[in-house]
Amino acid sequence: MGVRRWIEGWPVYRQATQGDLLGRGAAAKSDGSARIEARTHSADRVVKSICPYCAVGCGQQIYVKDEKVVQIEGDPDSPVSRGRLCPKGSASKQLVTGSARTNKVLYRRPHGTDWEQLDLDTAMDMIADRVLKSRRDGWQWEVDGKRTRRTLGVASLGGATLDNEENYLLKKLFTALGAIQIENQARI
């Protein structure tokens, strides 16, 4: 009885007796693989997103359970990546859930050696004040008798991890501030 059970458990025997000659169906499935569930099986919902790393814009499916990211995979509906992700995109879950991720605003004062925590409102006010001061200090109404109305005190270098809409809004913001040094990493 033990030998017969062993032979019937053999995948080649199952292929021949179950009509699955190429071994692509149930005949090739072992008891162990039948018990395995996909990592995404327990997710409550799936959110479509774009990979944040480069300018390609690969589609991602973010699997969420109890409002926490449990898995990130390529989006097969994406015309850009068709369900594929590069190694960095495949590891993007760690960007959100990694233990090394900083969740607080850190600030190091000029000539300081230690970081201190700031609340978000204070940090945003500091940034706004510095941008306006730099704009004011570098403002040029005219150059060589020609009206310019620009500032050389503020510049922008956009990143390829931003999508078109974000780069468009940044371009509008810095143009409205009078900046003329506006560039994007993808063009450099």
N, C-alpha and C. Protein backbone atom coordinates (compact mmCIF):
# COMPACT_ATOMS: atom_id res chain seq x y z
N MET A 1 0.82 -1.20 0.00
CA MET A 1 0.00 0.00 0.00
C MET A 1 0.86 1.25 0.00
N GLY A 2 1.97 1.25 0.72
CA GLY A 2 2.84 2.41 0.78
C GLY A 2 3.47 2.71 -0.57
N VAL A 3 3.85 1.65 -1.32
CA VAL A 3 4.47 1.86 -2.64
C VAL A 3 3.45 2.44 -3.61
N ARG A 4 2.23 1.91 -3.60
CA ARG A 4 1.20 2.41 -4.51
C ARG A 4 0.89 3.89 -4.22
N ARG A 5 0.78 4.23 -2.94
CA ARG A 5 0.51 5.62 -2.58
C ARG A 5 1.66 6.53 -3.03
N TRP A 6 2.89 6.01 -2.92
CA TRP A 6 4.05 6.79 -3.35
C TRP A 6 4.02 6.99 -4.87
N ILE A 7 3.66 5.98 -5.61
CA ILE A 7 3.61 6.09 -7.08
C ILE A 7 2.48 7.03 -7.49
N GLU A 8 1.32 6.94 -6.85
CA GLU A 8 0.21 7.83 -7.18
C GLU A 8 0.52 9.28 -6.81
N GLY A 9 1.40 9.49 -5.88
CA GLY A 9 1.79 10.85 -5.50
C GLY A 9 2.86 11.43 -6.41
N TRP A 10 3.39 10.61 -7.27
CA TRP A 10 4.45 11.04 -8.17
C TRP A 10 3.85 11.89 -9.29
N PRO A 11 4.35 13.09 -9.54
CA PRO A 11 3.75 13.99 -10.53
C PRO A 11 3.65 13.40 -11.94
N VAL A 12 4.64 12.62 -12.36
CA VAL A 12 4.60 12.05 -13.72
C VAL A 12 3.44 11.05 -13.84
N TYR A 13 3.20 10.28 -12.79
CA TYR A 13 2.08 9.34 -12.78
C TYR A 13 0.75 10.10 -12.89
N ARG A 14 0.63 11.20 -12.10
CA ARG A 14 -0.59 12.00 -12.16
C ARG A 14 -0.77 12.62 -13.54
N GLN A 15 0.31 13.08 -14.16
CA GLN A 15 0.22 13.65 -15.51
C GLN A 15 -0.35 12.62 -16.49
N ALA A 16 0.14 11.40 -16.43
CA ALA A 16 -0.30 10.37 -17.37
C ALA A 16 -1.72 9.91 -17.10
N THR A 17 -2.10 9.78 -15.84
CA THR A 17 -3.42 9.24 -15.51
C THR A 17 -4.52 10.29 -15.51
N GLN A 18 -4.16 11.58 -15.34
CA GLN A 18 -5.18 12.63 -15.27
C GLN A 18 -5.30 13.41 -16.57
N GLY A 19 -4.58 13.02 -17.61
CA GLY A 19 -4.69 13.69 -18.90
C GLY A 19 -3.97 15.02 -18.97
N ASP A 20 -3.09 15.28 -18.04
CA ASP A 20 -2.33 16.53 -18.02
C ASP A 20 -0.90 16.22 -18.46
N LEU A 21 -0.73 15.88 -19.73
CA LEU A 21 0.55 15.39 -20.23
C LEU A 21 1.67 16.43 -20.15
N LEU A 22 1.35 17.69 -20.27
CA LEU A 22 2.39 18.73 -20.21
C LEU A 22 2.71 19.15 -18.78
N GLY A 23 1.96 18.69 -17.82
CA GLY A 23 2.23 18.99 -16.42
C GLY A 23 2.00 20.44 -16.06
N ARG A 24 0.97 21.06 -16.66
CA ARG A 24 0.69 22.46 -16.38
C ARG A 24 -0.56 22.66 -15.52
N GLY A 25 -1.21 21.61 -15.16
CA GLY A 25 -2.46 21.72 -14.42
C GLY A 25 -2.32 21.15 -13.01
N ALA A 26 -3.42 20.56 -12.54
CA ALA A 26 -3.48 20.05 -11.17
C ALA A 26 -2.50 18.90 -10.94
N ALA A 27 -2.11 18.19 -12.00
CA ALA A 27 -1.20 17.06 -11.83
C ALA A 27 0.16 17.51 -11.31
N ALA A 28 0.56 18.69 -11.62
CA ALA A 28 1.87 19.18 -11.18
C ALA A 28 1.84 19.80 -9.80
N LYS A 29 0.67 19.97 -9.23
CA LYS A 29 0.53 20.63 -7.94
C LYS A 29 0.80 19.65 -6.81
N SER A 30 1.68 20.05 -5.89
CA SER A 30 1.97 19.20 -4.74
C SER A 30 1.07 19.60 -3.58
N ASP A 31 1.06 18.78 -2.55
CA ASP A 31 0.27 19.10 -1.36
C ASP A 31 0.79 20.39 -0.72
N GLY A 32 2.10 20.56 -0.73
CA GLY A 32 2.70 21.76 -0.14
C GLY A 32 2.30 23.02 -0.89
N SER A 33 2.33 22.96 -2.21
CA SER A 33 1.97 24.16 -2.98
C SER A 33 0.47 24.43 -2.92
N ALA A 34 -0.34 23.41 -2.67
CA ALA A 34 -1.78 23.61 -2.54
C ALA A 34 -2.12 24.41 -1.27
N ARG A 35 -1.26 24.33 -0.26
CA ARG A 35 -1.50 25.04 0.99
C ARG A 35 -0.99 26.48 0.96
N ILE A 36 -0.21 26.85 -0.03
CA ILE A 36 0.38 28.19 -0.09
C ILE A 36 -0.66 29.20 -0.56
N GLU A 37 -0.68 30.35 0.13
CA GLU A 37 -1.55 31.46 -0.27
C GLU A 37 -0.70 32.61 -0.75
N ALA A 38 -1.22 33.38 -1.66
CA ALA A 38 -0.50 34.56 -2.14
C ALA A 38 -0.34 35.58 -1.03
N ARG A 39 0.74 36.36 -1.08
CA ARG A 39 0.96 37.41 -0.07
C ARG A 39 -0.15 38.44 -0.10
N THR A 40 -0.81 38.56 -1.23
CA THR A 40 -1.85 39.58 -1.39
C THR A 40 -3.23 39.07 -1.02
N HIS A 41 -3.34 37.80 -0.68
CA HIS A 41 -4.64 37.17 -0.43
C HIS A 41 -5.39 37.82 0.73
N SER A 42 -4.68 38.25 1.76
CA SER A 42 -5.34 38.77 2.96
C SER A 42 -5.65 40.27 2.88
N ALA A 43 -5.31 40.93 1.79
CA ALA A 43 -5.50 42.38 1.68
C ALA A 43 -6.99 42.75 1.68
N ASP A 44 -7.30 43.89 2.34
CA ASP A 44 -8.67 44.40 2.36
C ASP A 44 -9.02 45.09 1.05
N ARG A 45 -8.02 45.79 0.48
CA ARG A 45 -8.27 46.53 -0.75
C ARG A 45 -6.97 46.71 -1.51
N VAL A 46 -7.11 47.11 -2.77
CA VAL A 46 -5.97 47.36 -3.64
C VAL A 46 -6.07 48.80 -4.14
N VAL A 47 -4.97 49.53 -4.01
CA VAL A 47 -4.92 50.92 -4.45
C VAL A 47 -3.92 51.01 -5.59
N LYS A 48 -4.33 51.61 -6.70
CA LYS A 48 -3.42 51.78 -7.83
C LYS A 48 -2.57 53.02 -7.60
N SER A 49 -1.29 52.92 -7.96
CA SER A 49 -0.38 54.03 -7.75
C SER A 49 0.71 54.00 -8.82
N ILE A 50 1.64 54.91 -8.70
CA ILE A 50 2.78 55.00 -9.61
C ILE A 50 4.05 54.87 -8.78
N CYS A 51 5.02 54.15 -9.28
CA CYS A 51 6.29 53.97 -8.59
C CYS A 51 6.96 55.33 -8.40
N PRO A 52 7.48 55.62 -7.20
CA PRO A 52 8.03 56.94 -6.93
C PRO A 52 9.49 57.14 -7.31
N TYR A 53 10.15 56.13 -7.87
CA TYR A 53 11.60 56.22 -7.98
C TYR A 53 12.13 56.94 -9.21
N CYS A 54 11.64 56.69 -10.38
CA CYS A 54 12.25 57.32 -11.56
C CYS A 54 11.17 57.94 -12.44
N ALA A 55 11.57 58.45 -13.58
CA ALA A 55 10.64 59.17 -14.45
C ALA A 55 9.84 58.25 -15.36
N VAL A 56 10.05 56.95 -15.31
CA VAL A 56 9.32 56.04 -16.19
C VAL A 56 7.84 56.01 -15.85
N GLY A 57 7.50 55.97 -14.58
CA GLY A 57 6.10 56.00 -14.16
C GLY A 57 5.43 54.64 -14.22
N CYS A 58 6.10 53.61 -13.76
CA CYS A 58 5.52 52.26 -13.76
C CYS A 58 4.33 52.19 -12.82
N GLY A 59 3.30 51.46 -13.22
CA GLY A 59 2.11 51.31 -12.40
C GLY A 59 2.34 50.31 -11.28
N GLN A 60 1.77 50.60 -10.13
CA GLN A 60 1.87 49.71 -8.99
C GLN A 60 0.49 49.44 -8.41
N GLN A 61 0.35 48.27 -7.84
CA GLN A 61 -0.84 47.93 -7.06
C GLN A 61 -0.39 47.83 -5.61
N ILE A 62 -0.99 48.64 -4.76
CA ILE A 62 -0.65 48.67 -3.34
C ILE A 62 -1.72 47.87 -2.61
N TYR A 63 -1.32 46.80 -1.96
CA TYR A 63 -2.25 45.95 -1.22
C TYR A 63 -2.27 46.41 0.24
N VAL A 64 -3.47 46.72 0.73
CA VAL A 64 -3.63 47.32 2.05
C VAL A 64 -4.49 46.42 2.93
N LYS A 65 -4.05 46.20 4.16
CA LYS A 65 -4.84 45.47 5.15
C LYS A 65 -4.79 46.27 6.45
N ASP A 66 -5.94 46.57 6.99
CA ASP A 66 -6.05 47.35 8.23
C ASP A 66 -5.28 48.67 8.10
N GLU A 67 -5.43 49.32 6.94
CA GLU A 67 -4.80 50.62 6.66
C GLU A 67 -3.28 50.57 6.71
N LYS A 68 -2.69 49.40 6.49
CA LYS A 68 -1.23 49.26 6.42
C LYS A 68 -0.88 48.56 5.11
N VAL A 69 0.21 48.99 4.51
CA VAL A 69 0.66 48.38 3.26
C VAL A 69 1.24 47.00 3.56
N VAL A 70 0.69 45.97 2.89
CA VAL A 70 1.20 44.61 3.11
C VAL A 70 2.00 44.10 1.92
N GLN A 71 1.80 44.69 0.74
CA GLN A 71 2.55 44.25 -0.45
C GLN A 71 2.40 45.30 -1.54
N ILE A 72 3.42 45.43 -2.38
CA ILE A 72 3.38 46.29 -3.55
C ILE A 72 3.84 45.46 -4.74
N GLU A 73 3.03 45.44 -5.79
CA GLU A 73 3.36 44.68 -6.99
C GLU A 73 3.09 45.52 -8.22
N GLY A 74 3.58 45.06 -9.35
CA GLY A 74 3.35 45.75 -10.61
C GLY A 74 1.89 45.69 -11.02
N ASP A 75 1.42 46.72 -11.68
CA ASP A 75 0.03 46.81 -12.14
C ASP A 75 -0.06 46.27 -13.56
N PRO A 76 -0.74 45.14 -13.77
CA PRO A 76 -0.84 44.59 -15.12
C PRO A 76 -1.65 45.46 -16.08
N ASP A 77 -2.46 46.39 -15.54
CA ASP A 77 -3.25 47.29 -16.39
C ASP A 77 -2.45 48.51 -16.84
N SER A 78 -1.25 48.69 -16.33
CA SER A 78 -0.44 49.86 -16.68
C SER A 78 0.10 49.72 -18.10
N PRO A 79 -0.16 50.70 -18.97
CA PRO A 79 0.40 50.63 -20.32
C PRO A 79 1.90 50.88 -20.34
N VAL A 80 2.43 51.44 -19.27
CA VAL A 80 3.85 51.74 -19.20
C VAL A 80 4.65 50.49 -18.86
N SER A 81 4.27 49.81 -17.80
CA SER A 81 5.08 48.70 -17.29
C SER A 81 4.44 47.32 -17.46
N ARG A 82 3.16 47.28 -17.78
CA ARG A 82 2.44 46.03 -18.01
C ARG A 82 2.66 44.99 -16.91
N GLY A 83 2.65 45.46 -15.66
CA GLY A 83 2.75 44.54 -14.53
C GLY A 83 4.17 44.27 -14.06
N ARG A 84 5.14 44.86 -14.68
CA ARG A 84 6.53 44.62 -14.30
C ARG A 84 7.07 45.79 -13.49
N LEU A 85 8.00 45.48 -12.59
CA LEU A 85 8.71 46.50 -11.82
C LEU A 85 10.19 46.15 -11.81
N CYS A 86 11.03 47.16 -11.81
CA CYS A 86 12.46 46.94 -11.68
C CYS A 86 12.75 46.51 -10.23
N PRO A 87 13.97 46.10 -9.91
CA PRO A 87 14.26 45.70 -8.53
C PRO A 87 13.98 46.79 -7.50
N LYS A 88 14.25 48.04 -7.86
CA LYS A 88 14.00 49.13 -6.91
C LYS A 88 12.50 49.33 -6.71
N GLY A 89 11.73 49.29 -7.81
CA GLY A 89 10.28 49.41 -7.70
C GLY A 89 9.67 48.25 -6.94
N SER A 90 10.22 47.06 -7.13
CA SER A 90 9.72 45.88 -6.42
C SER A 90 9.96 45.98 -4.92
N ALA A 91 10.99 46.70 -4.53
CA ALA A 91 11.33 46.85 -3.11
C ALA A 91 10.75 48.13 -2.52
N SER A 92 9.84 48.80 -3.22
CA SER A 92 9.35 50.10 -2.74
C SER A 92 8.47 49.98 -1.49
N LYS A 93 8.06 48.80 -1.12
CA LYS A 93 7.30 48.65 0.13
C LYS A 93 8.13 49.13 1.32
N GLN A 94 9.43 48.89 1.27
CA GLN A 94 10.29 49.33 2.38
C GLN A 94 10.36 50.84 2.50
N LEU A 95 10.06 51.56 1.41
CA LEU A 95 10.03 53.02 1.47
C LEU A 95 8.94 53.49 2.43
N VAL A 96 7.84 52.75 2.48
CA VAL A 96 6.70 53.12 3.31
C VAL A 96 6.75 52.46 4.69
N THR A 97 7.20 51.22 4.73
CA THR A 97 7.09 50.44 5.96
C THR A 97 8.44 50.21 6.64
N GLY A 98 9.54 50.63 6.04
CA GLY A 98 10.87 50.34 6.59
C GLY A 98 11.09 50.98 7.95
N SER A 99 11.85 50.30 8.78
CA SER A 99 12.10 50.79 10.14
C SER A 99 13.02 52.02 10.13
N ALA A 100 13.76 52.23 9.05
CA ALA A 100 14.67 53.38 8.98
C ALA A 100 13.98 54.65 8.49
N ARG A 101 12.70 54.55 8.15
CA ARG A 101 11.99 55.71 7.64
C ARG A 101 11.75 56.74 8.76
N THR A 102 12.06 57.98 8.46
CA THR A 102 11.85 59.07 9.43
C THR A 102 10.44 59.62 9.26
N ASN A 103 9.72 59.73 10.35
CA ASN A 103 8.34 60.22 10.33
C ASN A 103 8.19 61.58 10.99
N LYS A 104 9.30 62.21 11.32
CA LYS A 104 9.26 63.50 11.99
C LYS A 104 10.12 64.49 11.22
N VAL A 105 9.81 65.76 11.38
CA VAL A 105 10.61 66.81 10.75
C VAL A 105 11.86 67.00 11.60
N LEU A 106 13.03 66.85 10.96
CA LEU A 106 14.29 67.04 11.66
C LEU A 106 14.97 68.29 11.11
N TYR A 107 15.62 69.06 11.99
CA TYR A 107 16.27 70.30 11.60
C TYR A 107 17.62 70.39 12.30
N ARG A 108 18.63 70.75 11.53
CA ARG A 108 19.95 71.00 12.12
C ARG A 108 20.29 72.46 11.89
N ARG A 109 20.45 73.18 12.95
CA ARG A 109 20.73 74.61 12.87
C ARG A 109 22.08 74.85 12.19
N PRO A 110 22.27 76.04 11.61
CA PRO A 110 23.56 76.35 10.99
C PRO A 110 24.71 76.16 11.98
N HIS A 111 25.74 75.48 11.56
CA HIS A 111 26.92 75.15 12.36
C HIS A 111 26.60 74.19 13.50
N GLY A 112 25.41 73.64 13.51
CA GLY A 112 25.03 72.69 14.56
C GLY A 112 25.55 71.30 14.25
N THR A 113 25.59 70.46 15.25
CA THR A 113 26.05 69.08 15.06
C THR A 113 24.95 68.07 15.35
N ASP A 114 23.85 68.50 15.95
CA ASP A 114 22.77 67.59 16.29
C ASP A 114 21.48 68.00 15.60
N TRP A 115 20.64 67.00 15.35
CA TRP A 115 19.32 67.24 14.76
C TRP A 115 18.32 67.47 15.88
N GLU A 116 17.37 68.34 15.63
CA GLU A 116 16.28 68.56 16.58
C GLU A 116 14.95 68.39 15.86
N GLN A 117 13.94 67.97 16.60
CA GLN A 117 12.62 67.77 16.01
C GLN A 117 11.85 69.09 16.01
N LEU A 118 11.15 69.33 14.90
CA LEU A 118 10.28 70.49 14.79
C LEU A 118 8.89 70.01 14.41
N ASP A 119 7.88 70.79 14.79
CA ASP A 119 6.55 70.46 14.30
C ASP A 119 6.45 70.96 12.86
N LEU A 120 5.55 70.38 12.08
CA LEU A 120 5.44 70.64 10.66
C LEU A 120 5.13 72.11 10.37
N ASP A 121 4.25 72.74 11.14
CA ASP A 121 3.90 74.15 10.90
C ASP A 121 5.11 75.06 11.05
N THR A 122 5.92 74.82 12.06
CA THR A 122 7.13 75.62 12.26
C THR A 122 8.09 75.44 11.08
N ALA A 123 8.28 74.21 10.65
CA ALA A 123 9.19 73.94 9.53
C ALA A 123 8.69 74.60 8.24
N MET A 124 7.40 74.52 7.97
CA MET A 124 6.84 75.14 6.76
C MET A 124 6.98 76.66 6.80
N ASP A 125 6.75 77.25 7.98
CA ASP A 125 6.94 78.70 8.12
C ASP A 125 8.39 79.09 7.89
N MET A 126 9.33 78.30 8.39
CA MET A 126 10.75 78.59 8.20
C MET A 126 11.11 78.54 6.71
N ILE A 127 10.60 77.55 6.01
CA ILE A 127 10.88 77.41 4.58
C ILE A 127 10.30 78.60 3.82
N ALA A 128 9.05 78.95 4.10
CA ALA A 128 8.41 80.08 3.41
C ALA A 128 9.16 81.37 3.66
N ASP A 129 9.56 81.61 4.91
CA ASP A 129 10.31 82.83 5.23
C ASP A 129 11.63 82.88 4.47
N ARG A 130 12.31 81.76 4.37
CA ARG A 130 13.61 81.73 3.68
C ARG A 130 13.46 81.90 2.17
N VAL A 131 12.42 81.32 1.61
CA VAL A 131 12.19 81.49 0.17
C VAL A 131 11.89 82.95 -0.14
N LEU A 132 11.02 83.57 0.65
CA LEU A 132 10.67 84.98 0.41
C LEU A 132 11.86 85.91 0.62
N LYS A 133 12.69 85.63 1.63
CA LYS A 133 13.88 86.45 1.86
C LYS A 133 14.87 86.30 0.70
N SER A 134 15.09 85.07 0.26
CA SER A 134 16.01 84.85 -0.87
C SER A 134 15.49 85.52 -2.13
N ARG A 135 14.20 85.45 -2.34
CA ARG A 135 13.59 86.10 -3.51
C ARG A 135 13.79 87.61 -3.43
N ARG A 136 13.53 88.16 -2.28
CA ARG A 136 13.66 89.61 -2.09
C ARG A 136 15.12 90.06 -2.24
N ASP A 137 16.05 89.31 -1.64
CA ASP A 137 17.47 89.69 -1.70
C ASP A 137 18.05 89.56 -3.10
N GLY A 138 17.53 88.65 -3.90
CA GLY A 138 18.06 88.44 -5.25
C GLY A 138 17.23 89.07 -6.35
N TRP A 139 16.28 89.94 -5.99
CA TRP A 139 15.35 90.50 -6.98
C TRP A 139 16.05 91.51 -7.89
N GLN A 140 15.74 91.41 -9.18
CA GLN A 140 16.27 92.36 -10.17
C GLN A 140 15.09 92.94 -10.95
N TRP A 141 14.87 94.25 -10.77
CA TRP A 141 13.79 94.90 -11.53
C TRP A 141 14.21 95.07 -12.98
N GLU A 142 15.46 95.42 -13.16
CA GLU A 142 15.95 95.58 -14.53
C GLU A 142 17.45 95.32 -14.57
N VAL A 143 17.92 94.94 -15.75
CA VAL A 143 19.33 94.67 -15.98
C VAL A 143 19.72 95.40 -17.25
N ASP A 144 20.76 96.22 -17.17
CA ASP A 144 21.24 97.01 -18.31
C ASP A 144 20.12 97.82 -18.94
N GLY A 145 19.27 98.41 -18.11
CA GLY A 145 18.19 99.25 -18.60
C GLY A 145 17.00 98.50 -19.16
N LYS A 146 17.04 97.18 -19.15
CA LYS A 146 15.90 96.40 -19.66
C LYS A 146 15.14 95.80 -18.48
N ARG A 147 13.83 95.90 -18.53
CA ARG A 147 12.98 95.38 -17.45
C ARG A 147 13.05 93.85 -17.42
N THR A 148 13.37 93.31 -16.27
CA THR A 148 13.47 91.85 -16.14
C THR A 148 12.46 91.29 -15.15
N ARG A 149 12.29 91.94 -14.01
CA ARG A 149 11.41 91.46 -12.94
C ARG A 149 11.64 89.98 -12.67
N ARG A 150 12.81 89.68 -12.15
CA ARG A 150 13.18 88.29 -11.88
C ARG A 150 14.03 88.21 -10.63
N THR A 151 14.23 87.00 -10.15
CA THR A 151 15.12 86.80 -9.02
C THR A 151 16.14 85.73 -9.37
N LEU A 152 17.36 85.96 -8.93
CA LEU A 152 18.40 84.94 -9.04
C LEU A 152 18.65 84.30 -7.68
N GLY A 153 17.84 84.67 -6.70
CA GLY A 153 17.99 84.15 -5.35
C GLY A 153 17.29 82.83 -5.10
N VAL A 154 16.46 82.40 -6.05
CA VAL A 154 15.72 81.15 -5.90
C VAL A 154 15.87 80.35 -7.18
N ALA A 155 16.09 79.06 -7.04
CA ALA A 155 16.19 78.16 -8.20
C ALA A 155 15.45 76.88 -7.86
N SER A 156 15.14 76.11 -8.87
CA SER A 156 14.44 74.84 -8.66
C SER A 156 15.09 73.75 -9.50
N LEU A 157 15.34 72.63 -8.86
CA LEU A 157 15.79 71.44 -9.57
C LEU A 157 14.79 70.35 -9.24
N GLY A 158 13.89 70.07 -10.17
CA GLY A 158 12.86 69.05 -9.96
C GLY A 158 13.45 67.67 -10.08
N GLY A 159 12.78 66.72 -9.49
CA GLY A 159 13.27 65.35 -9.52
C GLY A 159 12.48 64.48 -10.46
N ALA A 160 13.11 63.44 -10.94
CA ALA A 160 12.45 62.52 -11.85
C ALA A 160 11.43 61.64 -11.13
N THR A 161 11.45 61.66 -9.80
CA THR A 161 10.45 60.88 -9.08
C THR A 161 9.11 61.59 -9.02
N LEU A 162 9.06 62.84 -9.46
CA LEU A 162 7.80 63.57 -9.49
C LEU A 162 7.09 63.28 -10.80
N ASP A 163 5.79 63.24 -10.77
CA ASP A 163 5.06 63.01 -12.02
C ASP A 163 4.87 64.33 -12.76
N ASN A 164 4.29 64.27 -13.95
CA ASN A 164 4.13 65.47 -14.79
C ASN A 164 3.35 66.57 -14.09
N GLU A 165 2.29 66.20 -13.38
CA GLU A 165 1.46 67.19 -12.72
C GLU A 165 2.23 67.93 -11.64
N GLU A 166 3.01 67.19 -10.85
CA GLU A 166 3.79 67.84 -9.79
C GLU A 166 4.85 68.76 -10.39
N ASN A 167 5.53 68.31 -11.44
CA ASN A 167 6.53 69.16 -12.07
C ASN A 167 5.89 70.40 -12.70
N TYR A 168 4.70 70.24 -13.26
CA TYR A 168 3.98 71.38 -13.84
C TYR A 168 3.67 72.42 -12.76
N LEU A 169 3.17 71.95 -11.60
CA LEU A 169 2.85 72.87 -10.52
C LEU A 169 4.09 73.55 -9.95
N LEU A 170 5.20 72.81 -9.86
CA LEU A 170 6.44 73.42 -9.39
C LEU A 170 6.93 74.49 -10.36
N LYS A 171 6.83 74.21 -11.66
CA LYS A 171 7.23 75.19 -12.67
C LYS A 171 6.39 76.46 -12.54
N LYS A 172 5.08 76.30 -12.36
CA LYS A 172 4.20 77.46 -12.20
C LYS A 172 4.55 78.24 -10.94
N LEU A 173 4.81 77.54 -9.84
CA LEU A 173 5.14 78.20 -8.57
C LEU A 173 6.42 79.01 -8.71
N PHE A 174 7.48 78.40 -9.23
CA PHE A 174 8.75 79.11 -9.30
C PHE A 174 8.73 80.21 -10.36
N THR A 175 7.96 80.05 -11.41
CA THR A 175 7.80 81.13 -12.38
C THR A 175 7.07 82.30 -11.74
N ALA A 176 6.04 82.01 -10.95
CA ALA A 176 5.30 83.06 -10.25
C ALA A 176 6.18 83.78 -9.23
N LEU A 177 7.15 83.06 -8.66
CA LEU A 177 8.08 83.69 -7.72
C LEU A 177 9.11 84.55 -8.44
N GLY A 178 9.20 84.43 -9.76
CA GLY A 178 10.15 85.21 -10.53
C GLY A 178 11.46 84.48 -10.80
N ALA A 179 11.53 83.22 -10.46
CA ALA A 179 12.76 82.45 -10.68
C ALA A 179 12.91 82.15 -12.17
N ILE A 180 14.16 82.18 -12.63
CA ILE A 180 14.41 81.81 -14.02
C ILE A 180 15.27 80.56 -14.12
N GLN A 181 15.82 80.13 -13.00
CA GLN A 181 16.66 78.94 -12.98
C GLN A 181 15.80 77.76 -12.54
N ILE A 182 15.06 77.21 -13.50
CA ILE A 182 14.14 76.11 -13.23
C ILE A 182 14.55 74.95 -14.12
N GLU A 183 14.92 73.85 -13.53
CA GLU A 183 15.42 72.71 -14.29
C GLU A 183 14.84 71.45 -13.71
N ASN A 184 14.96 70.36 -14.45
CA ASN A 184 14.49 69.06 -14.00
C ASN A 184 15.59 68.04 -14.19
N GLN A 185 15.70 67.15 -13.25
CA GLN A 185 16.74 66.12 -13.24
C GLN A 185 16.68 65.27 -14.51
N ALA A 186 15.48 65.04 -15.02
CA ALA A 186 15.34 64.18 -16.21
C ALA A 186 15.97 64.79 -17.44
N ARG A 187 16.18 66.10 -17.47
CA ARG A 187 16.78 66.75 -18.62
C ARG A 187 18.29 66.91 -18.48
N ILE A 188 18.81 66.72 -17.29
CA ILE A 188 20.24 66.96 -17.05
C ILE A 188 21.04 65.73 -17.41
